[in-house]
Amino acid sequence: MSNTRKLRTKVQQGGRIEVCAPDFPVGQEVDVTLQLKPIDIERRSVLEILAECPGGVLFKSIDDVDSFIRNERESWDR
């Protein structure tokens, strides 16, 4: 009988974790190490995220930004 077990379980309601090792001797001390499994997060660019927003990406280039600002400033003088 091996003295090491690697188990995967889920955290249950109330933060409870259940581990079963029926082949271990009753009353024997054991060491338990817990390590969170990394959550896979899809990496996306800022432009991809903005494209999903209502209206999408407002400016396609730096020239578009400059033009918009220029038109806004000109509207102030009218």
PDB file of N, CA and C in Angstrom:
ATOM      1  N   MET A   1       0.844  -1.182   0.000  1.00  0.00           N
ATOM      2  CA  MET A   1       0.000   0.000   0.000  1.00  0.00           C
ATOM      3  C   MET A   1       0.890   1.246   0.000  1.00  0.00           C
ATOM      4  N   SER A   2       0.616   2.155  -0.932  1.00  0.00           N
ATOM      5  CA  SER A   2       1.355   3.407  -1.008  1.00  0.00           C
ATOM      6  C   SER A   2       0.878   4.343   0.101  1.00  0.00           C
ATOM      7  N   ASN A   3       1.794   5.165   0.609  1.00  0.00           N
ATOM      8  CA  ASN A   3       1.407   6.075   1.679  1.00  0.00           C
ATOM      9  C   ASN A   3       1.041   7.465   1.149  1.00  0.00           C
ATOM     10  N   THR A   4       0.866   7.607  -0.161  1.00  0.00           N
ATOM     11  CA  THR A   4       0.532   8.896  -0.767  1.00  0.00           C
ATOM     12  C   THR A   4      -0.686   8.766  -1.664  1.00  0.00           C
ATOM     13  N   ARG A   5      -1.585   9.736  -1.588  1.00  0.00           N
ATOM     14  CA  ARG A   5      -2.766   9.789  -2.456  1.00  0.00           C
ATOM     15  C   ARG A   5      -2.882  11.196  -3.019  1.00  0.00           C
ATOM     16  N   LYS A   6      -3.194  11.289  -4.272  1.00  0.00           N
ATOM     17  CA  LYS A   6      -3.504  12.577  -4.873  1.00  0.00           C
ATOM     18  C   LYS A   6      -4.958  12.503  -5.304  1.00  0.00           C
ATOM     19  N   LEU A   7      -5.791  13.366  -4.722  1.00  0.00           N
ATOM     20  CA  LEU A   7      -7.218  13.350  -4.982  1.00  0.00           C
ATOM     21  C   LEU A   7      -7.652  14.691  -5.533  1.00  0.00           C
ATOM     22  N   ARG A   8      -8.710  14.683  -6.341  1.00  0.00           N
ATOM     23  CA  ARG A   8      -9.331  15.931  -6.789  1.00  0.00           C
ATOM     24  C   ARG A   8     -10.768  15.906  -6.303  1.00  0.00           C
ATOM     25  N   THR A   9     -11.178  16.994  -5.690  1.00  0.00           N
ATOM     26  CA  THR A   9     -12.536  17.115  -5.176  1.00  0.00           C
ATOM     27  C   THR A   9     -13.005  18.542  -5.384  1.00  0.00           C
ATOM     28  N   LYS A  10     -14.224  18.825  -5.032  1.00  0.00           N
ATOM     29  CA  LYS A  10     -14.772  20.169  -5.172  1.00  0.00           C
ATOM     30  C   LYS A  10     -15.123  20.722  -3.808  1.00  0.00           C
ATOM     31  N   VAL A  11     -14.952  22.041  -3.676  1.00  0.00           N
ATOM     32  CA  VAL A  11     -15.361  22.717  -2.452  1.00  0.00           C
ATOM     33  C   VAL A  11     -16.886  22.760  -2.456  1.00  0.00           C
ATOM     34  N   GLN A  12     -17.474  22.310  -1.381  1.00  0.00           N
ATOM     35  CA  GLN A  12     -18.920  22.241  -1.283  1.00  0.00           C
ATOM     36  C   GLN A  12     -19.465  23.427  -0.495  1.00  0.00           C
ATOM     37  N   GLN A  13     -20.774  23.498  -0.401  1.00  0.00           N
ATOM     38  CA  GLN A  13     -21.456  24.565   0.329  1.00  0.00           C
ATOM     39  C   GLN A  13     -20.819  24.759   1.696  1.00  0.00           C
ATOM     40  N   GLY A  14     -20.608  26.003   2.066  1.00  0.00           N
ATOM     41  CA  GLY A  14     -20.017  26.306   3.366  1.00  0.00           C
ATOM     42  C   GLY A  14     -18.508  26.116   3.404  1.00  0.00           C
ATOM     43  N   GLY A  15     -17.869  25.944   2.231  1.00  0.00           N
ATOM     44  CA  GLY A  15     -16.420  25.781   2.181  1.00  0.00           C
ATOM     45  C   GLY A  15     -15.961  24.393   2.603  1.00  0.00           C
ATOM     46  N   ARG A  16     -16.863  23.451   2.626  1.00  0.00           N
ATOM     47  CA  ARG A  16     -16.558  22.097   3.085  1.00  0.00           C
ATOM     48  C   ARG A  16     -15.863  21.294   1.983  1.00  0.00           C
ATOM     49  N   ILE A  17     -14.817  20.571   2.367  1.00  0.00           N
ATOM     50  CA  ILE A  17     -14.085  19.700   1.448  1.00  0.00           C
ATOM     51  C   ILE A  17     -14.086  18.302   2.052  1.00  0.00           C
ATOM     52  N   GLU A  18     -14.463  17.324   1.256  1.00  0.00           N
ATOM     53  CA  GLU A  18     -14.542  15.948   1.741  1.00  0.00           C
ATOM     54  C   GLU A  18     -13.478  15.108   1.050  1.00  0.00           C
ATOM     55  N   VAL A  19     -12.725  14.354   1.856  1.00  0.00           N
ATOM     56  CA  VAL A  19     -11.676  13.473   1.335  1.00  0.00           C
ATOM     57  C   VAL A  19     -11.918  12.077   1.900  1.00  0.00           C
ATOM     58  N   CYS A  20     -11.921  11.084   1.018  1.00  0.00           N
ATOM     59  CA  CYS A  20     -12.106   9.698   1.451  1.00  0.00           C
ATOM     60  C   CYS A  20     -10.870   8.882   1.092  1.00  0.00           C
ATOM     61  N   ALA A  21     -10.318   8.172   2.060  1.00  0.00           N
ATOM     62  CA  ALA A  21      -9.183   7.275   1.849  1.00  0.00           C
ATOM     63  C   ALA A  21      -9.430   6.008   2.661  1.00  0.00           C
ATOM     64  N   PRO A  22     -10.341   5.142   2.202  1.00  0.00           N
ATOM     65  CA  PRO A  22     -10.737   3.978   2.991  1.00  0.00           C
ATOM     66  C   PRO A  22      -9.615   2.980   3.251  1.00  0.00           C
ATOM     67  N   ASP A  23      -8.555   3.011   2.449  1.00  0.00           N
ATOM     68  CA  ASP A  23      -7.473   2.057   2.661  1.00  0.00           C
ATOM     69  C   ASP A  23      -6.387   2.582   3.607  1.00  0.00           C
ATOM     70  N   PHE A  24      -6.556   3.796   4.125  1.00  0.00           N
ATOM     71  CA  PHE A  24      -5.630   4.320   5.120  1.00  0.00           C
ATOM     72  C   PHE A  24      -6.063   3.801   6.492  1.00  0.00           C
ATOM     73  N   PRO A  25      -5.109   3.570   7.395  1.00  0.00           N
ATOM     74  CA  PRO A  25      -5.453   3.072   8.726  1.00  0.00           C
ATOM     75  C   PRO A  25      -6.224   4.114   9.543  1.00  0.00           C
ATOM     76  N   VAL A  26      -7.252   3.679  10.224  1.00  0.00           N
ATOM     77  CA  VAL A  26      -8.050   4.556  11.079  1.00  0.00           C
ATOM     78  C   VAL A  26      -7.169   5.079  12.209  1.00  0.00           C
ATOM     79  N   GLY A  27      -7.256   6.396  12.463  1.00  0.00           N
ATOM     80  CA  GLY A  27      -6.489   7.004  13.543  1.00  0.00           C
ATOM     81  C   GLY A  27      -5.107   7.479  13.123  1.00  0.00           C
ATOM     82  N   GLN A  28      -4.688   7.132  11.924  1.00  0.00           N
ATOM     83  CA  GLN A  28      -3.364   7.541  11.438  1.00  0.00           C
ATOM     84  C   GLN A  28      -3.381   9.025  11.083  1.00  0.00           C
ATOM     85  N   GLU A  29      -2.351   9.769  11.493  1.00  0.00           N
ATOM     86  CA  GLU A  29      -2.245  11.175  11.111  1.00  0.00           C
ATOM     87  C   GLU A  29      -1.842  11.279   9.649  1.00  0.00           C
ATOM     88  N   VAL A  30      -2.381  12.305   8.968  1.00  0.00           N
ATOM     89  CA  VAL A  30      -2.060  12.555   7.557  1.00  0.00           C
ATOM     90  C   VAL A  30      -1.800  14.046   7.362  1.00  0.00           C
ATOM     91  N   ASP A  31      -1.048  14.378   6.354  1.00  0.00           N
ATOM     92  CA  ASP A  31      -0.860  15.767   5.945  1.00  0.00           C
ATOM     93  C   ASP A  31      -1.756  16.017   4.749  1.00  0.00           C
ATOM     94  N   VAL A  32      -2.455  17.161   4.747  1.00  0.00           N
ATOM     95  CA  VAL A  32      -3.336  17.527   3.646  1.00  0.00           C
ATOM     96  C   VAL A  32      -2.868  18.869   3.106  1.00  0.00           C
ATOM     97  N   THR A  33      -2.656  18.935   1.787  1.00  0.00           N
ATOM     98  CA  THR A  33      -2.257  20.173   1.125  1.00  0.00           C
ATOM     99  C   THR A  33      -3.332  20.531   0.123  1.00  0.00           C
ATOM    100  N   LEU A  34      -3.795  21.781   0.166  1.00  0.00           N
ATOM    101  CA  LEU A  34      -4.824  22.244  -0.767  1.00  0.00           C
ATOM    102  C   LEU A  34      -4.212  23.266  -1.716  1.00  0.00           C
ATOM    103  N   GLN A  35      -4.538  23.136  -2.988  1.00  0.00           N
ATOM    104  CA  GLN A  35      -4.052  24.077  -3.989  1.00  0.00           C
ATOM    105  C   GLN A  35      -5.175  24.329  -4.981  1.00  0.00           C
ATOM    106  N   LEU A  36      -5.534  25.605  -5.168  1.00  0.00           N
ATOM    107  CA  LEU A  36      -6.577  25.940  -6.123  1.00  0.00           C
ATOM    108  C   LEU A  36      -6.124  25.628  -7.530  1.00  0.00           C
ATOM    109  N   LYS A  37      -7.009  25.058  -8.297  1.00  0.00           N
ATOM    110  CA  LYS A  37      -6.738  24.802  -9.703  1.00  0.00           C
ATOM    111  C   LYS A  37      -6.900  26.136 -10.442  1.00  0.00           C
ATOM    112  N   PRO A  38      -5.932  26.514 -11.283  1.00  0.00           N
ATOM    113  CA  PRO A  38      -6.044  27.793 -11.995  1.00  0.00           C
ATOM    114  C   PRO A  38      -7.278  27.831 -12.892  1.00  0.00           C
ATOM    115  N   ILE A  39      -7.910  28.995 -12.939  1.00  0.00           N
ATOM    116  CA  ILE A  39      -9.075  29.181 -13.806  1.00  0.00           C
ATOM    117  C   ILE A  39      -8.571  29.625 -15.163  1.00  0.00           C
ATOM    118  N   ASP A  40      -8.996  28.927 -16.202  1.00  0.00           N
ATOM    119  CA  ASP A  40      -8.604  29.296 -17.555  1.00  0.00           C
ATOM    120  C   ASP A  40      -9.399  30.516 -17.994  1.00  0.00           C
ATOM    121  N   ILE A  41      -8.693  31.603 -18.269  1.00  0.00           N
ATOM    122  CA  ILE A  41      -9.320  32.836 -18.713  1.00  0.00           C
ATOM    123  C   ILE A  41      -8.878  33.093 -20.150  1.00  0.00           C
ATOM    124  N   GLU A  42      -9.852  33.297 -21.005  1.00  0.00           N
ATOM    125  CA  GLU A  42      -9.541  33.586 -22.397  1.00  0.00           C
ATOM    126  C   GLU A  42      -8.930  34.973 -22.500  1.00  0.00           C
ATOM    127  N   ARG A  43      -7.737  35.063 -23.077  1.00  0.00           N
ATOM    128  CA  ARG A  43      -7.062  36.343 -23.258  1.00  0.00           C
ATOM    129  C   ARG A  43      -7.547  36.980 -24.554  1.00  0.00           C
ATOM    130  N   ARG A  44      -8.013  38.230 -24.460  1.00  0.00           N
ATOM    131  CA  ARG A  44      -8.478  38.951 -25.645  1.00  0.00           C
ATOM    132  C   ARG A  44      -7.872  40.343 -25.650  1.00  0.00           C
ATOM    133  N   SER A  45      -7.727  40.907 -26.836  1.00  0.00           N
ATOM    134  CA  SER A  45      -7.185  42.255 -26.928  1.00  0.00           C
ATOM    135  C   SER A  45      -8.271  43.261 -26.556  1.00  0.00           C
ATOM    136  N   VAL A  46      -7.838  44.444 -26.208  1.00  0.00           N
ATOM    137  CA  VAL A  46      -8.767  45.522 -25.865  1.00  0.00           C
ATOM    138  C   VAL A  46      -9.662  45.831 -27.055  1.00  0.00           C
ATOM    139  N   LEU A  47      -9.114  45.788 -28.250  1.00  0.00           N
ATOM    140  CA  LEU A  47      -9.916  46.080 -29.447  1.00  0.00           C
ATOM    141  C   LEU A  47     -11.025  45.060 -29.650  1.00  0.00           C
ATOM    142  N   GLU A  48     -10.753  43.794 -29.354  1.00  0.00           N
ATOM    143  CA  GLU A  48     -11.792  42.766 -29.458  1.00  0.00           C
ATOM    144  C   GLU A  48     -12.924  43.034 -28.467  1.00  0.00           C
ATOM    145  N   ILE A  49     -12.561  43.432 -27.256  1.00  0.00           N
ATOM    146  CA  ILE A  49     -13.569  43.714 -26.230  1.00  0.00           C
ATOM    147  C   ILE A  49     -14.390  44.939 -26.616  1.00  0.00           C
ATOM    148  N   LEU A  50     -13.719  46.003 -27.071  1.00  0.00           N
ATOM    149  CA  LEU A  50     -14.428  47.215 -27.474  1.00  0.00           C
ATOM    150  C   LEU A  50     -15.354  46.959 -28.661  1.00  0.00           C
ATOM    151  N   ALA A  51     -14.942  46.068 -29.563  1.00  0.00           N
ATOM    152  CA  ALA A  51     -15.756  45.772 -30.740  1.00  0.00           C
ATOM    153  C   ALA A  51     -17.103  45.165 -30.341  1.00  0.00           C
ATOM    154  N   GLU A  52     -17.178  44.544 -29.170  1.00  0.00           N
ATOM    155  CA  GLU A  52     -18.426  43.949 -28.706  1.00  0.00           C
ATOM    156  C   GLU A  52     -19.347  44.959 -28.028  1.00  0.00           C
ATOM    157  N   CYS A  53     -18.825  46.137 -27.716  1.00  0.00           N
ATOM    158  CA  CYS A  53     -19.631  47.166 -27.057  1.00  0.00           C
ATOM    159  C   CYS A  53     -20.610  47.782 -28.050  1.00  0.00           C
ATOM    160  N   PRO A  54     -21.733  48.294 -27.534  1.00  0.00           N
ATOM    161  CA  PRO A  54     -22.663  48.985 -28.427  1.00  0.00           C
ATOM    162  C   PRO A  54     -21.942  50.120 -29.156  1.00  0.00           C
ATOM    163  N   GLY A  55     -22.056  50.160 -30.457  1.00  0.00           N
ATOM    164  CA  GLY A  55     -21.369  51.181 -31.244  1.00  0.00           C
ATOM    165  C   GLY A  55     -19.999  50.747 -31.705  1.00  0.00           C
ATOM    166  N   GLY A  56     -19.490  49.646 -31.158  1.00  0.00           N
ATOM    167  CA  GLY A  56     -18.181  49.148 -31.569  1.00  0.00           C
ATOM    168  C   GLY A  56     -17.071  50.129 -31.256  1.00  0.00           C
ATOM    169  N   VAL A  57     -16.021  50.062 -32.040  1.00  0.00           N
ATOM    170  CA  VAL A  57     -14.894  50.966 -31.884  1.00  0.00           C
ATOM    171  C   VAL A  57     -15.221  52.237 -32.638  1.00  0.00           C
ATOM    172  N   LEU A  58     -15.248  53.354 -31.939  1.00  0.00           N
ATOM    173  CA  LEU A  58     -15.648  54.621 -32.533  1.00  0.00           C
ATOM    174  C   LEU A  58     -14.631  55.118 -33.551  1.00  0.00           C
ATOM    175  N   PHE A  59     -13.353  55.000 -33.249  1.00  0.00           N
ATOM    176  CA  PHE A  59     -12.303  55.508 -34.131  1.00  0.00           C
ATOM    177  C   PHE A  59     -11.486  54.349 -34.675  1.00  0.00           C
ATOM    178  N   LYS A  60     -11.263  54.362 -35.976  1.00  0.00           N
ATOM    179  CA  LYS A  60     -10.492  53.292 -36.623  1.00  0.00           C
ATOM    180  C   LYS A  60      -9.015  53.652 -36.734  1.00  0.00           C
ATOM    181  N   SER A  61      -8.688  54.955 -36.611  1.00  0.00           N
ATOM    182  CA  SER A  61      -7.292  55.380 -36.751  1.00  0.00           C
ATOM    183  C   SER A  61      -7.058  56.653 -35.952  1.00  0.00           C
ATOM    184  N   ILE A  62      -5.804  57.039 -35.858  1.00  0.00           N
ATOM    185  CA  ILE A  62      -5.433  58.281 -35.181  1.00  0.00           C
ATOM    186  C   ILE A  62      -5.985  59.475 -35.950  1.00  0.00           C
ATOM    187  N   ASP A  63      -6.000  59.370 -37.272  1.00  0.00           N
ATOM    188  CA  ASP A  63      -6.554  60.455 -38.092  1.00  0.00           C
ATOM    189  C   ASP A  63      -8.033  60.682 -37.771  1.00  0.00           C
ATOM    190  N   ASP A  64      -8.763  59.590 -37.532  1.00  0.00           N
ATOM    191  CA  ASP A  64     -10.177  59.719 -37.159  1.00  0.00           C
ATOM    192  C   ASP A  64     -10.327  60.472 -35.831  1.00  0.00           C
ATOM    193  N   VAL A  65      -9.448  60.194 -34.896  1.00  0.00           N
ATOM    194  CA  VAL A  65      -9.488  60.870 -33.599  1.00  0.00           C
ATOM    195  C   VAL A  65      -9.193  62.356 -33.780  1.00  0.00           C
ATOM    196  N   ASP A  66      -8.135  62.655 -34.541  1.00  0.00           N
ATOM    197  CA  ASP A  66      -7.773  64.059 -34.782  1.00  0.00           C
ATOM    198  C   ASP A  66      -8.911  64.817 -35.457  1.00  0.00           C
ATOM    199  N   SER A  67      -9.524  64.195 -36.436  1.00  0.00           N
ATOM    200  CA  SER A  67     -10.629  64.831 -37.151  1.00  0.00           C
ATOM    201  C   SER A  67     -11.799  65.102 -36.209  1.00  0.00           C
ATOM    202  N   PHE A  68     -12.134  64.149 -35.383  1.00  0.00           N
ATOM    203  CA  PHE A  68     -13.229  64.310 -34.443  1.00  0.00           C
ATOM    204  C   PHE A  68     -12.964  65.474 -33.483  1.00  0.00           C
ATOM    205  N   ILE A  69     -11.748  65.503 -32.928  1.00  0.00           N
ATOM    206  CA  ILE A  69     -11.400  66.574 -31.974  1.00  0.00           C
ATOM    207  C   ILE A  69     -11.420  67.930 -32.674  1.00  0.00           C
ATOM    208  N   ARG A  70     -10.869  67.985 -33.871  1.00  0.00           N
ATOM    209  CA  ARG A  70     -10.866  69.244 -34.629  1.00  0.00           C
ATOM    210  C   ARG A  70     -12.292  69.738 -34.865  1.00  0.00           C
ATOM    211  N   ASN A  71     -13.186  68.846 -35.295  1.00  0.00           N
ATOM    212  CA  ASN A  71     -14.594  69.220 -35.528  1.00  0.00           C
ATOM    213  C   ASN A  71     -15.279  69.666 -34.245  1.00  0.00           C
ATOM    214  N   GLU A  72     -14.983  69.008 -33.139  1.00  0.00           N
ATOM    215  CA  GLU A  72     -15.566  69.417 -31.854  1.00  0.00           C
ATOM    216  C   GLU A  72     -15.108  70.811 -31.473  1.00  0.00           C
ATOM    217  N   ARG A  73     -13.823  71.090 -31.607  1.00  0.00           N
ATOM    218  CA  ARG A  73     -13.300  72.422 -31.247  1.00  0.00           C
ATOM    219  C   ARG A  73     -13.908  73.508 -32.134  1.00  0.00           C
ATOM    220  N   GLU A  74     -14.046  73.190 -33.419  1.00  0.00           N
ATOM    221  CA  GLU A  74     -14.641  74.156 -34.338  1.00  0.00           C
ATOM    222  C   GLU A  74     -16.103  74.451 -33.982  1.00  0.00           C
ATOM    223  N   SER A  75     -16.805  73.437 -33.487  1.00  0.00           N
ATOM    224  CA  SER A  75     -18.210  73.633 -33.120  1.00  0.00           C
ATOM    225  C   SER A  75     -18.347  74.573 -31.910  1.00  0.00           C
ATOM    226  N   TRP A  76     -17.325  74.652 -31.069  1.00  0.00           N
ATOM    227  CA  TRP A  76     -17.361  75.540 -29.910  1.00  0.00           C
ATOM    228  C   TRP A  76     -17.354  77.013 -30.336  1.00  0.00           C
ATOM    229  N   ASP A  77     -16.679  77.285 -31.452  1.00  0.00           N
ATOM    230  CA  ASP A  77     -16.525  78.669 -31.903  1.00  0.00           C
ATOM    231  C   ASP A  77     -17.753  79.170 -32.665  1.00  0.00           C
ATOM    232  N   ARG A  78     -18.650  78.299 -33.018  1.00  0.00           N
ATOM    233  CA  ARG A  78     -19.830  78.701 -33.796  1.00  0.00           C
ATOM    234  C   ARG A  78     -20.882  79.334 -32.935  1.00  0.00           C
TER     235      ARG A  78
END
